[in-house]
Amino acid sequence: MAIDPARPTVQAFIAHMSAQYGFAAAELAQLLSQAKVQPGILDAIARPPERTLAWYEYRTRFLTEQRIADGAQFWSEHRELLDQTAQRYGVAPQYLVAILGVETSYGRITGRYRILDALGTLAFEYPPRADYFTNELEQFLLLAREESLDAVAALGSYAGAIGAPQFMPGSLRRYAVDADGDGKRDLWSDWADILASVANYFRVHGWQPDGTVLVDVDIDQEHAHDLDSRPQTLSETIASLKAKGVGFRETLPDDAPAMLIAADEADGVHFRVGLNNFYVITRYNRSPLYAMAVYELANRVRERVFSDEPPG
């Protein structure tokens, strides 16, 4: 089923884009009429893995031998560019590699849906987040105009995310970088742009060079139920968590903002504490499961890279 440009919500969107950005109403109506409503997109958005899987199940999807080996290979192939990007933005290479590994298996799986279909479906057929996806549709049309993209042919994820780092259109317009100065921000195939854009996203959101990301902690199981272990913000400090009975295995500044995280393992719940850089990873995807997967993949890839290097 195609999007009907005569629908009131679609008409309102066309009027907004015409008045605000000078899009020709008739041309935009014709473009939107080419968007197809995709039931599979609605099914996928209703059941994201971050909401349906326990941590130990989620981790097995990303911490595979293949993904670790591929990450080490990617690092080897792009070492000079990774080092340059890390130096410029203050984000260690393993986190840039891990984001790409979790998102798209290092650029190999960037999405099979037309972005116009994905954003059209979610903007006009998914009321729970219609405002968000209507804005992303707006951002996509602006991006297509700015970057001379084919708005009908461009492919991405079921949610409309773009390229190797899976930026939503609004994030691409705000944070993507033309690192090689060729006049385009190419997040599909230009690794200079891709790596710089991920690093810039982290830096803008407050990444601290060499900052601690995540630590394992000990909690008296008797009092574990009294603790908020599924937060979305840095609502604690190391000192406040210590006062609540959280035992740290390493020395951290008492005033460091922190969040307590429950990690469901097959043998029960284990606890971890995320610090500022963990929170920054959750700005990329707000799930703590996602951020833990990035952290663990980053460490495993780094270990593989340096263990494979001959002693020197």
C-alpha atoms as a PDB file:
ATOM      1  CA  MET A   1       0.000   0.000   0.000  1.00  0.00           C
ATOM      2  CA  ALA A   2       1.355   3.412  -0.966  1.00  0.00           C
ATOM      3  CA  ILE A   3       1.303   6.480   1.251  1.00  0.00           C
ATOM      4  CA  ASP A   4      -1.734   8.545   0.247  1.00  0.00           C
ATOM      5  CA  PRO A   5      -0.679  12.209  -0.178  1.00  0.00           C
ATOM      6  CA  ALA A   6      -4.333  13.239   0.241  1.00  0.00           C
ATOM      7  CA  ARG A   7      -4.422  12.078   3.874  1.00  0.00           C
ATOM      8  CA  PRO A   8      -4.709  14.998   6.311  1.00  0.00           C
ATOM      9  CA  THR A   9      -1.493  14.094   8.165  1.00  0.00           C
ATOM     10  CA  VAL A  10       0.424  13.820   4.904  1.00  0.00           C
ATOM     11  CA  GLN A  11      -1.104  17.049   3.604  1.00  0.00           C
ATOM     12  CA  ALA A  12      -0.060  18.821   6.808  1.00  0.00           C
ATOM     13  CA  PHE A  13       3.493  17.516   6.399  1.00  0.00           C
ATOM     14  CA  ILE A  14       3.664  18.669   2.779  1.00  0.00           C
ATOM     15  CA  ALA A  15       2.368  22.104   3.743  1.00  0.00           C
ATOM     16  CA  HIS A  16       4.987  22.383   6.490  1.00  0.00           C
ATOM     17  CA  MET A  17       7.847  21.368   4.197  1.00  0.00           C
ATOM     18  CA  SER A  18       6.665  23.779   1.542  1.00  0.00           C
ATOM     19  CA  ALA A  19       6.259  26.743   3.894  1.00  0.00           C
ATOM     20  CA  GLN A  20       9.352  26.094   5.995  1.00  0.00           C
ATOM     21  CA  TYR A  21      11.861  24.888   3.426  1.00  0.00           C
ATOM     22  CA  GLY A  22      10.507  25.811   0.021  1.00  0.00           C
ATOM     23  CA  PHE A  23       9.726  22.322  -1.254  1.00  0.00           C
ATOM     24  CA  ALA A  24       7.311  22.352  -4.180  1.00  0.00           C
ATOM     25  CA  ALA A  25       4.091  20.870  -2.826  1.00  0.00           C
ATOM     26  CA  ALA A  26       3.171  18.964  -5.990  1.00  0.00           C
ATOM     27  CA  GLU A  27       6.656  17.466  -6.337  1.00  0.00           C
ATOM     28  CA  LEU A  28       6.720  16.428  -2.687  1.00  0.00           C
ATOM     29  CA  ALA A  29       3.276  14.854  -2.955  1.00  0.00           C
ATOM     30  CA  GLN A  30       4.475  12.879  -5.956  1.00  0.00           C
ATOM     31  CA  LEU A  31       7.584  11.755  -4.061  1.00  0.00           C
ATOM     32  CA  LEU A  32       5.645  10.664  -0.979  1.00  0.00           C
ATOM     33  CA  SER A  33       3.174   8.743  -3.121  1.00  0.00           C
ATOM     34  CA  GLN A  34       6.095   6.462  -4.041  1.00  0.00           C
ATOM     35  CA  ALA A  35       6.588   5.474  -0.383  1.00  0.00           C
ATOM     36  CA  LYS A  36       5.176   2.040   0.447  1.00  0.00           C
ATOM     37  CA  VAL A  37       3.760   1.119   3.849  1.00  0.00           C
ATOM     38  CA  GLN A  38       5.765  -1.896   5.050  1.00  0.00           C
ATOM     39  CA  PRO A  39       4.067  -4.125   7.676  1.00  0.00           C
ATOM     40  CA  GLY A  40       7.431  -5.735   8.418  1.00  0.00           C
ATOM     41  CA  ILE A  41       8.744  -2.381   9.589  1.00  0.00           C
ATOM     42  CA  LEU A  42       5.856  -2.018  12.028  1.00  0.00           C
ATOM     43  CA  ASP A  43       6.515  -5.531  13.347  1.00  0.00           C
ATOM     44  CA  ALA A  44      10.234  -4.837  13.795  1.00  0.00           C
ATOM     45  CA  ILE A  45       9.798  -1.497  15.559  1.00  0.00           C
ATOM     46  CA  ALA A  46       7.409  -3.099  18.047  1.00  0.00           C
ATOM     47  CA  ARG A  47       9.917  -5.786  19.079  1.00  0.00           C
ATOM     48  CA  PRO A  48      13.467  -4.404  19.220  1.00  0.00           C
ATOM     49  CA  PRO A  49      15.930  -6.948  20.656  1.00  0.00           C
ATOM     50  CA  GLU A  50      16.997  -4.526  23.408  1.00  0.00           C
ATOM     51  CA  ARG A  51      13.523  -4.906  24.922  1.00  0.00           C
ATOM     52  CA  THR A  52      12.966  -8.616  24.427  1.00  0.00           C
ATOM     53  CA  LEU A  53      16.309 -10.263  25.280  1.00  0.00           C
ATOM     54  CA  ALA A  54      18.213 -10.750  28.522  1.00  0.00           C
ATOM     55  CA  TRP A  55      21.802  -9.512  28.525  1.00  0.00           C
ATOM     56  CA  TYR A  56      23.360 -12.963  28.110  1.00  0.00           C
ATOM     57  CA  GLU A  57      21.102 -13.584  25.090  1.00  0.00           C
ATOM     58  CA  TYR A  58      21.746 -10.154  23.598  1.00  0.00           C
ATOM     59  CA  ARG A  59      25.519 -10.514  24.056  1.00  0.00           C
ATOM     60  CA  THR A  60      25.654 -13.769  22.092  1.00  0.00           C
ATOM     61  CA  ARG A  61      24.408 -11.901  19.013  1.00  0.00           C
ATOM     62  CA  PHE A  62      27.373  -9.544  18.986  1.00  0.00           C
ATOM     63  CA  LEU A  63      30.263 -11.196  20.833  1.00  0.00           C
ATOM     64  CA  THR A  64      30.820 -13.870  18.214  1.00  0.00           C
ATOM     65  CA  GLU A  65      34.184 -15.159  17.070  1.00  0.00           C
ATOM     66  CA  GLN A  66      33.396 -13.984  13.550  1.00  0.00           C
ATOM     67  CA  ARG A  67      32.602 -10.429  14.630  1.00  0.00           C
ATOM     68  CA  ILE A  68      35.734 -10.223  16.779  1.00  0.00           C
ATOM     69  CA  ALA A  69      37.948 -11.569  13.985  1.00  0.00           C
ATOM     70  CA  ASP A  70      36.336  -9.265  11.438  1.00  0.00           C
ATOM     71  CA  GLY A  71      36.862  -6.315  13.782  1.00  0.00           C
ATOM     72  CA  ALA A  72      40.549  -7.111  14.110  1.00  0.00           C
ATOM     73  CA  GLN A  73      40.804  -7.383  10.333  1.00  0.00           C
ATOM     74  CA  PHE A  74      39.009  -4.064   9.877  1.00  0.00           C
ATOM     75  CA  TRP A  75      41.420  -2.428  12.356  1.00  0.00           C
ATOM     76  CA  SER A  76      44.396  -3.843  10.489  1.00  0.00           C
ATOM     77  CA  GLU A  77      43.095  -2.582   7.145  1.00  0.00           C
ATOM     78  CA  HIS A  78      42.282   0.916   8.427  1.00  0.00           C
ATOM     79  CA  ARG A  79      44.923   1.354  11.128  1.00  0.00           C
ATOM     80  CA  GLU A  80      46.366   4.646   9.868  1.00  0.00           C
ATOM     81  CA  LEU A  81      42.938   6.223   9.442  1.00  0.00           C
ATOM     82  CA  LEU A  82      41.776   4.943  12.837  1.00  0.00           C
ATOM     83  CA  ASP A  83      44.886   6.345  14.520  1.00  0.00           C
ATOM     84  CA  GLN A  84      44.427   9.727  12.832  1.00  0.00           C
ATOM     85  CA  THR A  85      40.752   9.882  13.799  1.00  0.00           C
ATOM     86  CA  ALA A  86      41.448   8.810  17.374  1.00  0.00           C
ATOM     87  CA  GLN A  87      44.122  11.477  17.751  1.00  0.00           C
ATOM     88  CA  ARG A  88      41.902  14.196  16.309  1.00  0.00           C
ATOM     89  CA  TYR A  89      38.766  13.416  18.315  1.00  0.00           C
ATOM     90  CA  GLY A  90      40.092  11.724  21.449  1.00  0.00           C
ATOM     91  CA  VAL A  91      38.112   8.518  20.962  1.00  0.00           C
ATOM     92  CA  ALA A  92      40.112   5.285  21.135  1.00  0.00           C
ATOM     93  CA  PRO A  93      40.046   3.173  17.950  1.00  0.00           C
ATOM     94  CA  GLN A  94      38.441   0.133  19.559  1.00  0.00           C
ATOM     95  CA  TYR A  95      35.214   2.045  20.249  1.00  0.00           C
ATOM     96  CA  LEU A  96      34.975   3.311  16.684  1.00  0.00           C
ATOM     97  CA  VAL A  97      35.494  -0.236  15.431  1.00  0.00           C
ATOM     98  CA  ALA A  98      32.985  -1.684  17.907  1.00  0.00           C
ATOM     99  CA  ILE A  99      30.226   0.747  16.955  1.00  0.00           C
ATOM    100  CA  LEU A 100      30.591  -0.288  13.319  1.00  0.00           C
ATOM    101  CA  GLY A 101      30.757  -3.945  14.331  1.00  0.00           C
ATOM    102  CA  VAL A 102      27.557  -3.845  16.363  1.00  0.00           C
ATOM    103  CA  GLU A 103      25.677  -1.627  13.940  1.00  0.00           C
ATOM    104  CA  THR A 104      26.454  -3.127  10.538  1.00  0.00           C
ATOM    105  CA  SER A 105      29.169  -5.794  10.841  1.00  0.00           C
ATOM    106  CA  TYR A 106      31.743  -3.217   9.686  1.00  0.00           C
ATOM    107  CA  GLY A 107      29.643  -1.775   6.900  1.00  0.00           C
ATOM    108  CA  ARG A 108      28.488  -5.039   5.350  1.00  0.00           C
ATOM    109  CA  ILE A 109      24.844  -4.934   6.484  1.00  0.00           C
ATOM    110  CA  THR A 110      23.549  -1.374   6.146  1.00  0.00           C
ATOM    111  CA  GLY A 111      19.857  -2.108   5.603  1.00  0.00           C
ATOM    112  CA  ARG A 112      17.584  -3.412   2.877  1.00  0.00           C
ATOM    113  CA  TYR A 113      14.626  -1.038   3.263  1.00  0.00           C
ATOM    114  CA  ARG A 114      14.123   2.071   1.219  1.00  0.00           C
ATOM    115  CA  ILE A 115      14.547   4.912   3.699  1.00  0.00           C
ATOM    116  CA  LEU A 116      11.535   6.650   2.206  1.00  0.00           C
ATOM    117  CA  ASP A 117       9.403   3.564   2.935  1.00  0.00           C
ATOM    118  CA  ALA A 118      10.770   3.182   6.460  1.00  0.00           C
ATOM    119  CA  LEU A 119      10.280   6.781   7.512  1.00  0.00           C
ATOM    120  CA  GLY A 120       6.994   7.146   5.656  1.00  0.00           C
ATOM    121  CA  THR A 121       5.606   4.032   7.331  1.00  0.00           C
ATOM    122  CA  LEU A 122       6.702   5.088  10.798  1.00  0.00           C
ATOM    123  CA  ALA A 123       5.736   8.753  10.407  1.00  0.00           C
ATOM    124  CA  PHE A 124       2.214   8.062   9.184  1.00  0.00           C
ATOM    125  CA  GLU A 125       1.388   4.542  10.407  1.00  0.00           C
ATOM    126  CA  TYR A 126       3.018   4.293  13.851  1.00  0.00           C
ATOM    127  CA  PRO A 127       1.218   6.677  16.232  1.00  0.00           C
ATOM    128  CA  PRO A 128       3.359   5.943  19.349  1.00  0.00           C
ATOM    129  CA  ARG A 129       6.364   7.701  17.772  1.00  0.00           C
ATOM    130  CA  ALA A 130       4.803   9.590  14.905  1.00  0.00           C
ATOM    131  CA  ASP A 131       6.285  12.931  15.970  1.00  0.00           C
ATOM    132  CA  TYR A 132       9.827  11.554  16.101  1.00  0.00           C
ATOM    133  CA  PHE A 133       9.667   9.805  12.749  1.00  0.00           C
ATOM    134  CA  THR A 134       7.883  12.701  11.060  1.00  0.00           C
ATOM    135  CA  ASN A 135      10.821  14.858  12.098  1.00  0.00           C
ATOM    136  CA  GLU A 136      13.252  12.253  10.772  1.00  0.00           C
ATOM    137  CA  LEU A 137      11.382  12.160   7.469  1.00  0.00           C
ATOM    138  CA  GLU A 138      11.763  15.941   7.337  1.00  0.00           C
ATOM    139  CA  GLN A 139      15.473  15.610   8.061  1.00  0.00           C
ATOM    140  CA  PHE A 140      15.866  12.926   5.395  1.00  0.00           C
ATOM    141  CA  LEU A 141      14.280  15.079   2.703  1.00  0.00           C
ATOM    142  CA  LEU A 142      16.528  17.983   3.656  1.00  0.00           C
ATOM    143  CA  LEU A 143      19.546  15.663   3.645  1.00  0.00           C
ATOM    144  CA  ALA A 144      18.645  14.296   0.217  1.00  0.00           C
ATOM    145  CA  ARG A 145      18.473  17.843  -1.119  1.00  0.00           C
ATOM    146  CA  GLU A 146      21.749  18.898   0.513  1.00  0.00           C
ATOM    147  CA  GLU A 147      23.740  15.806  -0.444  1.00  0.00           C
ATOM    148  CA  SER A 148      22.107  15.123  -3.841  1.00  0.00           C
ATOM    149  CA  LEU A 149      20.819  11.735  -2.676  1.00  0.00           C
ATOM    150  CA  ASP A 150      18.190   9.804  -4.578  1.00  0.00           C
ATOM    151  CA  ALA A 151      15.415   9.948  -1.976  1.00  0.00           C
ATOM    152  CA  VAL A 152      13.544   7.054  -3.574  1.00  0.00           C
ATOM    153  CA  ALA A 153      16.460   4.664  -4.034  1.00  0.00           C
ATOM    154  CA  ALA A 154      18.476   5.228  -0.824  1.00  0.00           C
ATOM    155  CA  LEU A 155      18.485   2.154   1.449  1.00  0.00           C
ATOM    156  CA  GLY A 156      18.786   1.873   5.223  1.00  0.00           C
ATOM    157  CA  SER A 157      17.445   0.097   8.279  1.00  0.00           C
ATOM    158  CA  TYR A 158      13.815  -0.570   9.146  1.00  0.00           C
ATOM    159  CA  ALA A 159      13.922   2.584  11.286  1.00  0.00           C
ATOM    160  CA  GLY A 160      15.473   4.731   8.553  1.00  0.00           C
ATOM    161  CA  ALA A 161      19.076   4.646   9.809  1.00  0.00           C
ATOM    162  CA  ILE A 162      21.767   5.331   7.246  1.00  0.00           C
ATOM    163  CA  GLY A 163      25.075   3.820   6.233  1.00  0.00           C
ATOM    164  CA  ALA A 164      27.843   1.971   8.068  1.00  0.00           C
ATOM    165  CA  PRO A 165      27.337   3.827  11.384  1.00  0.00           C
ATOM    166  CA  GLN A 166      23.512   3.794  11.105  1.00  0.00           C
ATOM    167  CA  PHE A 167      22.934   7.493  11.763  1.00  0.00           C
ATOM    168  CA  MET A 168      19.370   8.662  11.692  1.00  0.00           C
ATOM    169  CA  PRO A 169      18.955  11.500   9.158  1.00  0.00           C
ATOM    170  CA  GLY A 170      18.807  14.183  11.846  1.00  0.00           C
ATOM    171  CA  SER A 171      21.985  12.898  13.465  1.00  0.00           C
ATOM    172  CA  LEU A 172      23.699  12.736  10.094  1.00  0.00           C
ATOM    173  CA  ARG A 173      22.869  16.365   9.382  1.00  0.00           C
ATOM    174  CA  ARG A 174      24.046  17.454  12.857  1.00  0.00           C
ATOM    175  CA  TYR A 175      27.117  15.304  13.455  1.00  0.00           C
ATOM    176  CA  ALA A 176      28.430  13.788  10.221  1.00  0.00           C
ATOM    177  CA  VAL A 177      31.799  15.032   8.997  1.00  0.00           C
ATOM    178  CA  ASP A 178      33.252  15.475   5.522  1.00  0.00           C
ATOM    179  CA  ALA A 179      36.641  14.297   6.739  1.00  0.00           C
ATOM    180  CA  ASP A 180      38.367  14.090   3.377  1.00  0.00           C
ATOM    181  CA  GLY A 181      37.044  17.393   2.049  1.00  0.00           C
ATOM    182  CA  ASP A 182      35.407  16.003  -1.080  1.00  0.00           C
ATOM    183  CA  GLY A 183      32.227  17.994  -0.503  1.00  0.00           C
ATOM    184  CA  LYS A 184      30.088  15.039   0.599  1.00  0.00           C
ATOM    185  CA  ARG A 185      29.368  13.296   3.872  1.00  0.00           C
ATOM    186  CA  ASP A 186      29.329   9.724   2.617  1.00  0.00           C
ATOM    187  CA  LEU A 187      28.425   7.291   5.395  1.00  0.00           C
ATOM    188  CA  TRP A 188      27.998   4.335   3.049  1.00  0.00           C
ATOM    189  CA  SER A 189      31.487   3.879   1.614  1.00  0.00           C
ATOM    190  CA  ASP A 190      33.893   6.675   2.639  1.00  0.00           C
ATOM    191  CA  TRP A 191      35.725   5.359   5.711  1.00  0.00           C
ATOM    192  CA  ALA A 192      37.308   8.727   6.499  1.00  0.00           C
ATOM    193  CA  ASP A 193      33.854  10.288   6.741  1.00  0.00           C
ATOM    194  CA  ILE A 194      32.393   7.286   8.579  1.00  0.00           C
ATOM    195  CA  LEU A 195      35.020   7.077  11.305  1.00  0.00           C
ATOM    196  CA  ALA A 196      35.226  10.835  11.808  1.00  0.00           C
ATOM    197  CA  SER A 197      31.449  11.067  12.048  1.00  0.00           C
ATOM    198  CA  VAL A 198      31.223   8.406  14.780  1.00  0.00           C
ATOM    199  CA  ALA A 199      34.098  10.025  16.661  1.00  0.00           C
ATOM    200  CA  ASN A 200      32.535  13.465  16.330  1.00  0.00           C
ATOM    201  CA  TYR A 201      29.224  12.128  17.647  1.00  0.00           C
ATOM    202  CA  PHE A 202      31.007  10.789  20.720  1.00  0.00           C
ATOM    203  CA  ARG A 203      33.003  13.977  21.267  1.00  0.00           C
ATOM    204  CA  VAL A 204      29.960  16.248  20.967  1.00  0.00           C
ATOM    205  CA  HIS A 205      28.128  14.093  23.511  1.00  0.00           C
ATOM    206  CA  GLY A 206      30.913  14.453  26.057  1.00  0.00           C
ATOM    207  CA  TRP A 207      33.321  11.562  25.539  1.00  0.00           C
ATOM    208  CA  GLN A 208      36.322  11.802  27.859  1.00  0.00           C
ATOM    209  CA  PRO A 209      39.619  10.596  26.352  1.00  0.00           C
ATOM    210  CA  ASP A 210      40.958   7.674  28.404  1.00  0.00           C
ATOM    211  CA  GLY A 211      37.882   7.817  30.656  1.00  0.00           C
ATOM    212  CA  THR A 212      36.567   4.658  32.315  1.00  0.00           C
ATOM    213  CA  VAL A 213      33.535   3.191  30.572  1.00  0.00           C
ATOM    214  CA  LEU A 214      32.230   0.316  32.696  1.00  0.00           C
ATOM    215  CA  VAL A 215      33.286  -1.635  35.813  1.00  0.00           C
ATOM    216  CA  ASP A 216      32.031  -4.770  37.506  1.00  0.00           C
ATOM    217  CA  VAL A 217      30.915  -4.310  41.094  1.00  0.00           C
ATOM    218  CA  ASP A 218      29.836  -6.404  44.074  1.00  0.00           C
ATOM    219  CA  ILE A 219      26.479  -6.040  45.769  1.00  0.00           C
ATOM    220  CA  ASP A 220      25.068  -7.769  48.809  1.00  0.00           C
ATOM    221  CA  GLN A 221      22.240  -9.732  47.181  1.00  0.00           C
ATOM    222  CA  GLU A 222      20.109  -9.192  50.280  1.00  0.00           C
ATOM    223  CA  HIS A 223      19.859  -5.481  49.474  1.00  0.00           C
ATOM    224  CA  ALA A 224      20.026  -5.617  45.680  1.00  0.00           C
ATOM    225  CA  HIS A 225      16.278  -5.144  45.292  1.00  0.00           C
ATOM    226  CA  ASP A 226      16.536  -1.757  47.023  1.00  0.00           C
ATOM    227  CA  LEU A 227      18.788  -0.354  44.289  1.00  0.00           C
ATOM    228  CA  ASP A 228      17.705   1.245  41.021  1.00  0.00           C
ATOM    229  CA  SER A 229      19.631  -0.839  38.518  1.00  0.00           C
ATOM    230  CA  ARG A 230      17.878   0.056  35.265  1.00  0.00           C
ATOM    231  CA  PRO A 231      18.536   3.784  34.929  1.00  0.00           C
ATOM    232  CA  GLN A 232      18.822   5.884  31.798  1.00  0.00           C
ATOM    233  CA  THR A 233      20.883   8.702  33.298  1.00  0.00           C
ATOM    234  CA  LEU A 234      23.950   9.254  35.443  1.00  0.00           C
ATOM    235  CA  SER A 235      21.756   9.642  38.501  1.00  0.00           C
ATOM    236  CA  GLU A 236      24.346   8.475  41.045  1.00  0.00           C
ATOM    237  CA  THR A 237      27.981   9.074  41.918  1.00  0.00           C
ATOM    238  CA  ILE A 238      30.612   6.583  42.963  1.00  0.00           C
ATOM    239  CA  ALA A 239      30.253   7.914  46.513  1.00  0.00           C
ATOM    240  CA  SER A 240      26.446   7.581  46.584  1.00  0.00           C
ATOM    241  CA  LEU A 241      26.668   4.013  45.286  1.00  0.00           C
ATOM    242  CA  LYS A 242      29.264   3.136  47.913  1.00  0.00           C
ATOM    243  CA  ALA A 243      26.907   4.531  50.540  1.00  0.00           C
ATOM    244  CA  LYS A 244      24.226   2.136  49.279  1.00  0.00           C
ATOM    245  CA  GLY A 245      26.472  -0.880  49.679  1.00  0.00           C
ATOM    246  CA  VAL A 246      27.983  -1.158  46.207  1.00  0.00           C
ATOM    247  CA  GLY A 247      31.488  -2.595  46.415  1.00  0.00           C
ATOM    248  CA  PHE A 248      34.053  -1.380  43.880  1.00  0.00           C
ATOM    249  CA  ARG A 249      37.027  -3.488  42.840  1.00  0.00           C
ATOM    250  CA  GLU A 250      39.082  -0.525  41.654  1.00  0.00           C
ATOM    251  CA  THR A 251      39.686   3.054  42.755  1.00  0.00           C
ATOM    252  CA  LEU A 252      37.475   5.652  41.074  1.00  0.00           C
ATOM    253  CA  PRO A 253      36.839   9.315  41.954  1.00  0.00           C
ATOM    254  CA  ASP A 254      34.031   9.569  44.496  1.00  0.00           C
ATOM    255  CA  ASP A 255      32.437  12.472  42.635  1.00  0.00           C
ATOM    256  CA  ALA A 256      32.322  10.692  39.257  1.00  0.00           C
ATOM    257  CA  PRO A 257      28.748  10.512  37.877  1.00  0.00           C
ATOM    258  CA  ALA A 258      27.625   6.899  37.555  1.00  0.00           C
ATOM    259  CA  MET A 259      24.761   4.524  36.884  1.00  0.00           C
ATOM    260  CA  LEU A 260      24.138   1.058  38.284  1.00  0.00           C
ATOM    261  CA  ILE A 261      23.293  -1.606  35.708  1.00  0.00           C
ATOM    262  CA  ALA A 262      21.775  -5.050  36.204  1.00  0.00           C
ATOM    263  CA  ALA A 263      23.212  -7.548  33.731  1.00  0.00           C
ATOM    264  CA  ASP A 264      21.084 -10.690  33.538  1.00  0.00           C
ATOM    265  CA  GLU A 265      23.358 -13.700  33.137  1.00  0.00           C
ATOM    266  CA  ALA A 266      22.340 -17.333  32.812  1.00  0.00           C
ATOM    267  CA  ASP A 267      23.382 -17.917  36.440  1.00  0.00           C
ATOM    268  CA  GLY A 268      21.605 -14.843  37.826  1.00  0.00           C
ATOM    269  CA  VAL A 269      21.903 -11.079  37.956  1.00  0.00           C
ATOM    270  CA  HIS A 270      25.344  -9.490  37.974  1.00  0.00           C
ATOM    271  CA  PHE A 271      25.921  -5.790  38.565  1.00  0.00           C
ATOM    272  CA  ARG A 272      28.050  -3.229  36.794  1.00  0.00           C
ATOM    273  CA  VAL A 273      28.522   0.524  37.027  1.00  0.00           C
ATOM    274  CA  GLY A 274      28.654   2.714  33.956  1.00  0.00           C
ATOM    275  CA  LEU A 275      30.452   6.046  34.008  1.00  0.00           C
ATOM    276  CA  ASN A 276      30.409   9.078  31.724  1.00  0.00           C
ATOM    277  CA  ASN A 277      31.712   7.309  28.625  1.00  0.00           C
ATOM    278  CA  PHE A 278      29.187   4.508  29.061  1.00  0.00           C
ATOM    279  CA  TYR A 279      26.458   7.136  29.106  1.00  0.00           C
ATOM    280  CA  VAL A 280      27.873   8.636  25.905  1.00  0.00           C
ATOM    281  CA  ILE A 281      27.554   5.250  24.181  1.00  0.00           C
ATOM    282  CA  THR A 282      23.897   5.180  25.252  1.00  0.00           C
ATOM    283  CA  ARG A 283      23.383   8.446  23.369  1.00  0.00           C
ATOM    284  CA  TYR A 284      24.056   6.410  20.236  1.00  0.00           C
ATOM    285  CA  ASN A 285      21.487   3.823  21.289  1.00  0.00           C
ATOM    286  CA  ARG A 286      19.730   4.316  24.606  1.00  0.00           C
ATOM    287  CA  SER A 287      19.778   0.673  25.651  1.00  0.00           C
ATOM    288  CA  PRO A 288      22.320  -0.296  28.349  1.00  0.00           C
ATOM    289  CA  LEU A 289      22.476  -3.714  26.639  1.00  0.00           C
ATOM    290  CA  TYR A 290      23.674  -2.029  23.461  1.00  0.00           C
ATOM    291  CA  ALA A 291      26.297  -0.005  25.332  1.00  0.00           C
ATOM    292  CA  MET A 292      27.574  -3.114  27.122  1.00  0.00           C
ATOM    293  CA  ALA A 293      27.836  -4.944  23.790  1.00  0.00           C
ATOM    294  CA  VAL A 294      29.868  -2.086  22.297  1.00  0.00           C
ATOM    295  CA  TYR A 295      32.136  -2.011  25.352  1.00  0.00           C
ATOM    296  CA  GLU A 296      32.774  -5.737  25.355  1.00  0.00           C
ATOM    297  CA  LEU A 297      33.284  -5.976  21.598  1.00  0.00           C
ATOM    298  CA  ALA A 298      35.720  -3.053  21.765  1.00  0.00           C
ATOM    299  CA  ASN A 299      37.790  -4.822  24.400  1.00  0.00           C
ATOM    300  CA  ARG A 300      37.753  -8.178  22.617  1.00  0.00           C
ATOM    301  CA  VAL A 301      38.757  -6.671  19.282  1.00  0.00           C
ATOM    302  CA  ARG A 302      41.562  -4.657  20.888  1.00  0.00           C
ATOM    303  CA  GLU A 303      42.846  -7.773  22.668  1.00  0.00           C
ATOM    304  CA  ARG A 304      42.790  -9.690  19.387  1.00  0.00           C
ATOM    305  CA  VAL A 305      44.620  -6.938  17.495  1.00  0.00           C
ATOM    306  CA  PHE A 306      47.442  -6.642  19.983  1.00  0.00           C
ATOM    307  CA  SER A 307      47.712 -10.363  20.751  1.00  0.00           C
ATOM    308  CA  ASP A 308      48.148 -11.020  17.017  1.00  0.00           C
ATOM    309  CA  GLU A 309      50.969  -8.524  16.693  1.00  0.00           C
ATOM    310  CA  PRO A 310      54.498  -9.936  16.863  1.00  0.00           C
ATOM    311  CA  PRO A 311      56.491  -8.842  19.918  1.00  0.00           C
ATOM    312  CA  GLY A 312      58.590  -5.865  19.135  1.00  0.00           C
END
